[in-house]
Amino acid sequence: MTIRAPLIAAVFVLAASCGKVPVDAPVLTADLPPAAGPGASTPHLAAATDGTLWTSWMEPGVDSVWMLRVAHRPVGGAWSEPRTVIRDALLFANWADFPSVVVDANGRLIAHFLRRSSAGKYSYGAWITTSTDSGLRWSAPQQLHRDTSMTEHGFAALVPQPDGSTFAAWLDGHATGGEQGAMNHGAMNQPAMSLGFGVIDSTLRVQRDTMLDLRTCDCCQVAGARTSAGALFAYRDRSEQEVRDIAVVRLEDGKWTPPAIVHADGWVTRACPVNGPALSARDRGVAIAWFTNARDTAKVQLAFSTDQGATWGAPVRIDDGQPIGRVDVEYLIDGSALVTWMEGTGKATAEIRARRVAANGARSKATVVATTSDARPAGFPRMAAATGKGVYVIWRELTTPARLRMALLKVPGG
């Protein structure tokens, strides 16, 4: 259950309706992806403080056993050879619940992945492994959550902290009671998922977890970010009346705030939309992007906060009328935000588009990053900002076999 957050007085609306000076659109430049193998999927990007770019992805082996793989590229350098984080017959590969890799404050790697806990369709756990030598060797895996029930645990977000620890939040199925993970996503009166939280401490040990919200949507991604004051996580809430709007929790004075709704879209649905929010922060500023279909009007929306996510401005609509969602966002150094999303363009087709939005709500023209499929296996395009370069985008192209593709969005002044 959530408490509605107050809105700050400033109202952000479409630039065209207010005569605001348009901002420059991002400029697309083709870029080389890492040398992932055929069939690679679910790519994720992260940038280290020194500008090194890291990516992770899932890849099928010759015997159809999945592997989690990583590669990195230093500033001005080339991609390293891919390295295998883990290869396991029980790895869970899913188009929407994807692994990730982050770099902590001490330059160590933390990768999270999903591992089946039984033969049930949604019976799997969230695990992490760490590396202190740039991915050459990886530690024995540790489960993020203490719950060992054969239910769903996933959709995790990792947020490194200045003290060398890393915060993690995920959707936890401990209360769903699904036998062998056979939960029916979105069923009426179904026990709800929870938002779990845990810490990977500065010694790289997983600490005891706790629950931050006991009623969340079933399978929308969790997003995380760090401001100058602390961490915050965003996720899709689920009320008793099946309203599934976006909520945030923040760490304030060492304690987590009650969940608060970013904007009361009022989207009532009994089915999980599999379409989570995205967060990005810089100092006190935060940008959040999300998809909604409230009142049968599909939208991608963006809101800004100037107080670490305590309050939010009114949302700016980002899409061009036929959004599929699958958003990501980067908060830029000049206070604007860059949003990517998938826009439907016809039967079974879509475009990955990017739009820049100024803090006053002025929007740029949309930049088409790529033409793609609207099918679930196309996955979620992911971004990472590189200081002095722009913002990198990586996605899965559904060729035969599927492959990874990448581009750089250069943002004037950003």
Protein backbone atom coordinates (compact mmCIF):
# COMPACT_ATOMS: atom_id res chain seq x y z
CA MET A 1 0.00 0.00 0.00
CA THR A 2 1.25 3.49 -0.72
CA ILE A 3 1.02 7.10 0.34
CA ARG A 4 0.58 9.60 -2.47
CA ALA A 5 3.50 12.03 -2.73
CA PRO A 6 2.76 15.75 -3.02
CA LEU A 7 3.54 17.39 -6.34
CA ILE A 8 5.81 20.39 -6.46
CA ALA A 9 4.38 23.60 -7.82
CA ALA A 10 6.30 23.64 -11.09
CA VAL A 11 4.33 21.99 -13.87
CA PHE A 12 6.14 20.40 -16.78
CA VAL A 13 4.07 20.21 -19.97
CA LEU A 14 4.77 19.67 -23.64
CA ALA A 15 6.98 22.32 -25.15
CA ALA A 16 4.79 22.70 -28.18
CA SER A 17 1.83 23.75 -26.08
CA CYS A 18 3.73 26.37 -24.08
CA GLY A 19 6.00 27.95 -26.63
CA LYS A 20 9.14 26.81 -24.85
CA VAL A 21 12.43 26.86 -26.71
CA PRO A 22 13.00 23.34 -28.07
CA VAL A 23 16.09 21.46 -26.95
CA ASP A 24 18.50 19.85 -29.39
CA ALA A 25 17.73 16.26 -30.32
CA PRO A 26 20.35 13.58 -29.66
CA VAL A 27 22.50 12.74 -32.68
CA LEU A 28 22.81 9.06 -33.52
CA THR A 29 26.18 7.47 -34.31
CA ALA A 30 26.64 3.76 -34.98
CA ASP A 31 28.86 1.94 -32.51
CA LEU A 32 30.36 -1.52 -32.18
CA PRO A 33 28.85 -3.91 -29.64
CA PRO A 34 30.95 -6.51 -27.80
CA ALA A 35 31.67 -9.78 -29.58
CA ALA A 36 28.69 -11.66 -28.20
CA GLY A 37 27.87 -15.07 -29.62
CA PRO A 38 24.87 -16.02 -31.75
CA GLY A 39 21.55 -15.84 -29.94
CA ALA A 40 22.76 -13.34 -27.32
CA SER A 41 19.96 -11.64 -25.40
CA THR A 42 19.07 -9.28 -22.53
CA PRO A 43 22.05 -6.89 -22.78
CA HIS A 44 22.69 -4.47 -19.92
CA LEU A 45 25.08 -1.49 -19.72
CA ALA A 46 26.91 0.15 -16.82
CA ALA A 47 29.58 2.86 -16.71
CA ALA A 48 32.35 2.92 -14.10
CA THR A 49 33.53 6.20 -12.57
CA ASP A 50 36.66 6.12 -14.75
CA GLY A 51 34.51 5.97 -17.88
CA THR A 52 34.99 2.27 -18.57
CA LEU A 53 31.87 0.80 -20.13
CA TRP A 54 30.70 -2.64 -18.98
CA THR A 55 28.03 -4.79 -20.55
CA SER A 56 26.49 -8.11 -19.60
CA TRP A 57 24.25 -10.44 -21.58
CA MET A 58 22.89 -13.97 -21.69
CA GLU A 59 24.17 -16.34 -24.33
CA PRO A 60 23.29 -19.95 -25.19
CA GLY A 61 26.16 -22.45 -25.21
CA VAL A 62 26.71 -25.17 -27.79
CA ASP A 63 24.68 -27.58 -25.63
CA SER A 64 21.91 -25.00 -25.05
CA VAL A 65 23.10 -24.36 -21.49
CA TRP A 66 22.89 -20.62 -20.81
CA MET A 67 25.88 -18.47 -19.83
CA LEU A 68 26.06 -15.01 -18.31
CA ARG A 69 28.87 -13.14 -20.06
CA VAL A 70 30.52 -9.72 -19.65
CA ALA A 71 32.89 -7.48 -21.57
CA HIS A 72 34.35 -4.01 -20.95
CA ARG A 73 35.71 -1.12 -22.98
CA PRO A 74 37.98 1.58 -21.52
CA VAL A 75 37.69 5.16 -22.68
CA GLY A 76 39.18 5.37 -26.16
CA GLY A 77 39.80 1.61 -26.27
CA ALA A 78 38.27 -1.50 -27.77
CA TRP A 79 35.99 -4.12 -26.28
CA SER A 80 37.68 -6.85 -24.29
CA GLU A 81 37.14 -10.48 -25.13
CA PRO A 82 33.91 -11.70 -23.53
CA ARG A 83 34.31 -13.48 -20.22
CA THR A 84 31.93 -16.02 -18.74
CA VAL A 85 30.56 -15.10 -15.33
CA ILE A 86 28.63 -18.30 -14.82
CA ARG A 87 27.51 -21.25 -16.92
CA ASP A 88 24.77 -23.32 -15.35
CA ALA A 89 22.02 -25.60 -16.62
CA LEU A 90 19.69 -23.98 -14.06
CA LEU A 91 20.22 -20.38 -15.26
CA PHE A 92 16.88 -18.71 -15.97
CA ALA A 93 16.81 -16.77 -19.25
CA ASN A 94 13.83 -14.46 -19.69
CA TRP A 95 13.13 -11.55 -22.04
CA ALA A 96 11.99 -9.19 -19.26
CA ASP A 97 13.83 -10.33 -16.11
CA PHE A 98 17.42 -9.78 -17.09
CA PRO A 99 20.80 -9.99 -15.31
CA SER A 100 23.09 -7.01 -14.82
CA VAL A 101 26.62 -6.04 -13.85
CA VAL A 102 27.65 -2.96 -11.84
CA VAL A 103 30.98 -1.55 -10.68
CA ASP A 104 31.20 -0.63 -7.00
CA ALA A 105 33.08 2.31 -5.44
CA ASN A 106 36.22 0.16 -5.14
CA GLY A 107 36.21 -0.91 -8.79
CA ARG A 108 34.93 -4.41 -8.07
CA LEU A 109 32.31 -6.08 -10.24
CA ILE A 110 28.98 -7.32 -8.93
CA ALA A 111 26.83 -9.36 -11.31
CA HIS A 112 23.33 -10.56 -10.57
CA PHE A 113 21.60 -13.46 -12.30
CA LEU A 114 18.60 -15.76 -11.95
CA ARG A 115 18.71 -19.46 -11.11
CA ARG A 116 15.83 -21.92 -11.14
CA SER A 117 14.81 -23.35 -7.76
CA SER A 118 12.40 -25.99 -9.11
CA ALA A 119 10.70 -27.07 -12.31
CA GLY A 120 7.93 -24.50 -11.77
CA LYS A 121 7.54 -21.87 -14.47
CA TYR A 122 8.14 -18.95 -12.11
CA SER A 123 10.27 -20.71 -9.53
CA TYR A 124 13.66 -19.01 -9.42
CA GLY A 125 15.94 -17.02 -7.16
CA ALA A 126 18.09 -13.89 -7.54
CA TRP A 127 21.81 -14.47 -7.00
CA ILE A 128 25.00 -12.39 -7.12
CA THR A 129 28.64 -13.13 -7.78
CA THR A 130 31.60 -10.74 -7.54
CA SER A 131 34.98 -10.20 -9.17
CA THR A 132 37.99 -8.24 -7.93
CA ASP A 133 40.09 -8.74 -11.08
CA SER A 134 37.98 -7.25 -13.89
CA GLY A 135 36.02 -10.41 -14.49
CA LEU A 136 38.81 -12.96 -14.78
CA ARG A 137 37.57 -14.88 -11.74
CA TRP A 138 34.21 -14.84 -9.98
CA SER A 139 33.26 -15.65 -6.41
CA ALA A 140 30.98 -18.44 -5.23
CA PRO A 141 27.39 -17.26 -5.85
CA GLN A 142 25.32 -15.86 -2.98
CA GLN A 143 21.52 -15.69 -2.93
CA LEU A 144 20.22 -12.14 -2.49
CA HIS A 145 17.20 -13.16 -0.42
CA ARG A 146 16.83 -15.38 2.63
CA ASP A 147 13.52 -16.82 1.41
CA THR A 148 14.01 -20.26 -0.15
CA SER A 149 10.42 -20.94 -1.19
CA MET A 150 9.97 -22.22 -4.71
CA THR A 151 8.45 -18.96 -5.91
CA GLU A 152 9.55 -16.01 -8.01
CA HIS A 153 12.41 -13.72 -6.94
CA GLY A 154 13.76 -11.38 -9.58
CA PHE A 155 13.56 -8.08 -11.48
CA ALA A 156 16.45 -6.81 -9.36
CA ALA A 157 18.23 -3.44 -9.37
CA LEU A 158 21.73 -2.90 -7.94
CA VAL A 159 22.92 0.54 -6.77
CA PRO A 160 26.58 0.94 -5.66
CA GLN A 161 27.17 3.20 -2.62
CA PRO A 162 30.12 5.49 -1.79
CA ASP A 163 31.29 3.29 1.12
CA GLY A 164 31.92 0.27 -1.11
CA SER A 165 28.63 -1.46 -0.35
CA THR A 166 25.89 -2.04 -2.93
CA PHE A 167 22.15 -1.79 -2.34
CA ALA A 168 19.83 -4.26 -4.04
CA ALA A 169 16.05 -4.33 -4.45
CA TRP A 170 13.96 -7.03 -6.12
CA LEU A 171 10.48 -8.50 -6.38
CA ASP A 172 10.10 -11.22 -3.76
CA GLY A 173 7.51 -14.00 -3.97
CA HIS A 174 7.78 -15.29 -0.41
CA ALA A 175 4.13 -14.46 0.30
CA THR A 176 2.62 -15.71 -2.96
CA GLY A 177 2.52 -19.34 -1.87
CA GLY A 178 2.69 -20.52 -5.46
CA GLU A 179 3.20 -24.28 -5.50
CA GLN A 180 6.44 -25.04 -7.34
CA GLY A 181 6.39 -21.50 -8.70
CA ALA A 182 3.14 -22.04 -10.58
CA MET A 183 1.75 -18.57 -9.81
CA ASN A 184 -0.75 -17.05 -12.23
CA HIS A 185 0.51 -13.56 -12.93
CA GLY A 186 -2.23 -10.98 -12.61
CA ALA A 187 -4.95 -13.32 -11.36
CA MET A 188 -7.68 -11.69 -9.29
CA ASN A 189 -7.20 -12.12 -5.53
CA GLN A 190 -3.77 -13.67 -6.10
CA PRO A 191 -1.33 -13.11 -3.21
CA ALA A 192 0.95 -10.25 -4.14
CA MET A 193 4.67 -9.98 -4.66
CA SER A 194 6.74 -7.82 -2.27
CA LEU A 195 9.61 -5.38 -2.74
CA GLY A 196 12.66 -6.89 -1.08
CA PHE A 197 15.79 -4.98 -0.09
CA GLY A 198 19.26 -6.16 0.87
CA VAL A 199 22.86 -5.00 1.07
CA ILE A 200 26.04 -6.43 -0.37
CA ASP A 201 28.43 -5.00 2.19
CA SER A 202 31.91 -3.59 1.61
CA THR A 203 33.38 -7.08 2.15
CA LEU A 204 31.13 -8.37 -0.67
CA ARG A 205 28.92 -10.40 1.64
CA VAL A 206 25.14 -10.42 1.29
CA GLN A 207 23.39 -9.16 4.40
CA ARG A 208 19.98 -10.09 5.80
CA ASP A 209 17.12 -8.70 3.74
CA THR A 210 13.91 -6.87 4.60
CA MET A 211 10.68 -5.99 2.80
CA LEU A 212 9.96 -2.37 1.79
CA ASP A 213 6.47 -2.88 0.32
CA LEU A 214 4.26 -5.94 0.79
CA ARG A 215 2.07 -5.46 -2.29
CA THR A 216 3.65 -4.82 -5.69
CA CYS A 217 3.03 -5.67 -9.32
CA ASP A 218 4.15 -9.16 -10.27
CA CYS A 219 6.70 -8.79 -13.04
CA CYS A 220 7.63 -5.17 -13.75
CA GLN A 221 11.31 -4.29 -13.41
CA VAL A 222 12.60 -2.48 -10.32
CA ALA A 223 14.77 0.61 -10.96
CA GLY A 224 17.35 2.17 -8.65
CA ALA A 225 19.51 5.29 -8.45
CA ARG A 226 21.74 7.18 -6.00
CA THR A 227 21.45 10.89 -5.23
CA SER A 228 23.78 13.04 -3.13
CA ALA A 229 21.60 12.22 -0.12
CA GLY A 230 21.14 8.48 -0.59
CA ALA A 231 19.42 5.80 -2.63
CA LEU A 232 15.94 5.40 -4.03
CA PHE A 233 14.09 2.60 -5.82
CA ALA A 234 11.10 2.78 -8.15
CA TYR A 235 8.67 -0.01 -9.02
CA ARG A 236 5.08 -0.63 -10.08
CA ASP A 237 2.75 -0.64 -7.09
CA ARG A 238 -0.40 -2.77 -6.80
CA SER A 239 -3.28 -1.53 -4.65
CA GLU A 240 -6.13 -3.62 -3.29
CA GLN A 241 -8.23 -2.12 -6.11
CA GLU A 242 -5.65 -3.25 -8.72
CA VAL A 243 -4.35 0.24 -9.42
CA ARG A 244 -0.82 -0.26 -10.74
CA ASP A 245 0.94 3.10 -10.71
CA ILE A 246 4.62 3.82 -10.12
CA ALA A 247 5.89 4.20 -6.54
CA VAL A 248 9.23 5.13 -4.99
CA VAL A 249 10.92 4.43 -1.68
CA ARG A 250 13.87 6.51 -0.46
CA LEU A 251 16.55 6.10 2.17
CA GLU A 252 16.27 9.17 4.41
CA ASP A 253 18.29 9.62 7.62
CA GLY A 254 19.10 5.93 7.63
CA LYS A 255 15.48 4.79 7.28
CA TRP A 256 13.35 3.86 4.30
CA THR A 257 10.39 6.12 3.65
CA PRO A 258 6.91 4.67 3.15
CA PRO A 259 6.15 3.99 -0.54
CA ALA A 260 4.87 7.08 -2.38
CA ILE A 261 3.16 7.31 -5.76
CA VAL A 262 5.06 9.45 -8.30
CA HIS A 263 1.92 10.43 -10.23
CA ALA A 264 -1.64 9.16 -9.80
CA ASP A 265 -2.23 7.81 -13.33
CA GLY A 266 -4.96 5.55 -11.96
CA TRP A 267 -4.14 2.58 -14.19
CA VAL A 268 -6.47 -0.23 -13.12
CA THR A 269 -5.48 -3.60 -14.54
CA ARG A 270 -5.60 -7.15 -13.25
CA ALA A 271 -2.72 -8.25 -15.48
CA CYS A 272 0.91 -7.33 -15.01
CA PRO A 273 2.03 -5.15 -17.94
CA VAL A 274 5.67 -6.33 -17.73
CA ASN A 275 6.78 -2.71 -18.17
CA GLY A 276 8.75 -1.28 -15.28
CA PRO A 277 10.01 2.27 -14.63
CA ALA A 278 13.51 3.68 -15.15
CA LEU A 279 15.43 6.01 -12.80
CA SER A 280 18.50 8.18 -13.11
CA ALA A 281 19.95 10.72 -10.66
CA ARG A 282 22.67 13.35 -10.37
CA ASP A 283 23.31 15.20 -7.09
CA ARG A 284 19.81 16.24 -5.86
CA GLY A 285 18.13 15.82 -9.24
CA VAL A 286 16.25 12.71 -10.33
CA ALA A 287 14.46 11.76 -13.54
CA ILE A 288 11.94 8.93 -13.75
CA ALA A 289 10.32 7.48 -16.88
CA TRP A 290 7.48 4.99 -17.05
CA PHE A 291 4.72 3.47 -19.18
CA THR A 292 1.01 3.65 -18.35
CA ASN A 293 -2.22 2.67 -20.05
CA ALA A 294 -4.59 4.44 -17.67
CA ARG A 295 -8.05 5.05 -19.15
CA ASP A 296 -7.00 3.00 -22.19
CA THR A 297 -4.52 5.66 -23.29
CA ALA A 298 -1.01 4.30 -23.64
CA LYS A 299 1.70 6.81 -22.67
CA VAL A 300 5.37 7.02 -21.87
CA GLN A 301 5.86 9.71 -19.24
CA LEU A 302 8.77 11.50 -17.60
CA ALA A 303 8.91 13.45 -14.34
CA PHE A 304 11.68 15.40 -12.61
CA SER A 305 12.50 15.85 -8.95
CA THR A 306 14.84 18.47 -7.48
CA ASP A 307 14.79 17.09 -3.93
CA GLN A 308 16.12 13.53 -4.30
CA GLY A 309 12.72 12.12 -5.20
CA ALA A 310 10.75 13.47 -2.24
CA THR A 311 8.42 15.38 -4.59
CA TRP A 312 7.87 15.26 -8.34
CA GLY A 313 6.81 17.64 -11.05
CA ALA A 314 3.85 16.87 -13.26
CA PRO A 315 4.72 14.40 -16.01
CA VAL A 316 5.77 15.22 -19.56
CA ARG A 317 4.47 12.90 -22.25
CA ILE A 318 7.35 11.42 -24.22
CA ASP A 319 5.88 9.06 -26.83
CA ASP A 320 4.52 9.76 -30.31
CA GLY A 321 1.11 8.13 -29.93
CA GLN A 322 1.71 4.37 -30.21
CA PRO A 323 4.05 3.49 -27.36
CA ILE A 324 4.95 -0.05 -26.38
CA GLY A 325 7.00 1.19 -23.42
CA ARG A 326 10.21 -0.62 -22.32
CA VAL A 327 11.73 2.64 -21.17
CA ASP A 328 15.13 3.76 -19.99
CA VAL A 329 16.37 7.20 -18.86
CA GLU A 330 19.61 9.07 -18.24
CA TYR A 331 19.75 12.30 -16.20
CA LEU A 332 22.30 14.50 -18.00
CA ILE A 333 24.84 16.93 -16.61
CA ASP A 334 22.92 19.99 -17.84
CA GLY A 335 19.76 18.96 -15.95
CA SER A 336 17.93 17.56 -18.96
CA ALA A 337 16.98 13.91 -19.36
CA LEU A 338 17.31 11.49 -22.25
CA VAL A 339 14.56 8.87 -22.56
CA THR A 340 14.48 5.80 -24.80
CA TRP A 341 11.35 3.77 -25.47
CA MET A 342 9.78 1.48 -28.08
CA GLU A 343 7.15 2.98 -30.35
CA GLY A 344 4.82 0.80 -32.43
CA THR A 345 5.02 1.50 -36.16
CA GLY A 346 2.95 -1.22 -37.79
CA LYS A 347 2.10 -4.88 -37.73
CA ALA A 348 4.75 -6.59 -35.58
CA THR A 349 7.21 -3.69 -36.03
CA ALA A 350 8.50 -0.96 -33.77
CA GLU A 351 11.20 1.67 -33.47
CA ILE A 352 13.56 2.34 -30.62
CA ARG A 353 13.31 6.10 -30.18
CA ALA A 354 15.12 8.64 -28.02
CA ARG A 355 13.93 12.07 -26.89
CA ARG A 356 15.62 14.70 -24.78
CA VAL A 357 13.57 16.73 -22.30
CA ALA A 358 14.75 19.90 -20.55
CA ALA A 359 14.04 20.54 -16.89
CA ASN A 360 11.36 23.06 -17.91
CA GLY A 361 9.53 20.41 -19.94
CA ALA A 362 10.71 21.44 -23.40
CA ARG A 363 11.10 18.40 -25.67
CA SER A 364 13.38 17.69 -28.58
CA LYS A 365 12.32 15.89 -31.73
CA ALA A 366 12.50 12.13 -31.43
CA THR A 367 15.60 10.40 -32.78
CA VAL A 368 15.07 6.94 -34.28
CA VAL A 369 17.74 4.65 -32.88
CA ALA A 370 16.71 1.49 -34.73
CA THR A 371 13.86 -0.33 -36.39
CA THR A 372 13.02 -3.50 -34.53
CA SER A 373 10.32 -6.04 -33.74
CA ASP A 374 7.58 -5.42 -31.20
CA ALA A 375 7.84 -9.05 -30.05
CA ARG A 376 8.83 -9.87 -26.50
CA PRO A 377 12.15 -11.53 -27.48
CA ALA A 378 13.36 -8.12 -28.73
CA GLY A 379 13.66 -7.26 -25.05
CA PHE A 380 14.40 -3.93 -23.40
CA PRO A 381 16.96 -1.48 -24.88
CA ARG A 382 19.36 -0.29 -22.16
CA MET A 383 21.44 2.90 -21.80
CA ALA A 384 24.52 4.15 -19.96
CA ALA A 385 26.03 7.64 -19.99
CA ALA A 386 29.73 8.06 -20.76
CA THR A 387 31.32 11.29 -19.57
CA GLY A 388 32.36 13.48 -22.50
CA LYS A 389 30.99 11.02 -25.05
CA GLY A 390 27.22 10.88 -24.80
CA VAL A 391 24.85 8.05 -23.99
CA TYR A 392 25.31 4.51 -25.25
CA VAL A 393 22.32 2.34 -26.18
CA ILE A 394 22.41 -1.44 -26.57
CA TRP A 395 19.63 -3.73 -27.77
CA ARG A 396 18.88 -7.16 -29.21
CA GLU A 397 18.20 -7.46 -32.92
CA LEU A 398 15.98 -10.38 -33.91
CA THR A 399 17.98 -11.59 -36.87
CA THR A 400 18.58 -15.32 -37.39
CA PRO A 401 20.35 -15.89 -35.10
CA ALA A 402 19.70 -12.91 -32.85
CA ARG A 403 22.59 -10.54 -32.16
CA LEU A 404 23.44 -7.47 -30.10
CA ARG A 405 23.60 -3.99 -31.60
CA MET A 406 24.80 -0.71 -30.16
CA ALA A 407 24.76 3.03 -30.85
CA LEU A 408 25.98 6.28 -29.32
CA LEU A 409 23.60 9.19 -28.79
CA LYS A 410 25.54 12.44 -28.71
CA VAL A 411 23.71 15.08 -26.72
CA PRO A 412 24.75 18.72 -27.27
CA GLY A 413 25.46 20.31 -23.89
CA GLY A 414 24.52 17.14 -22.02
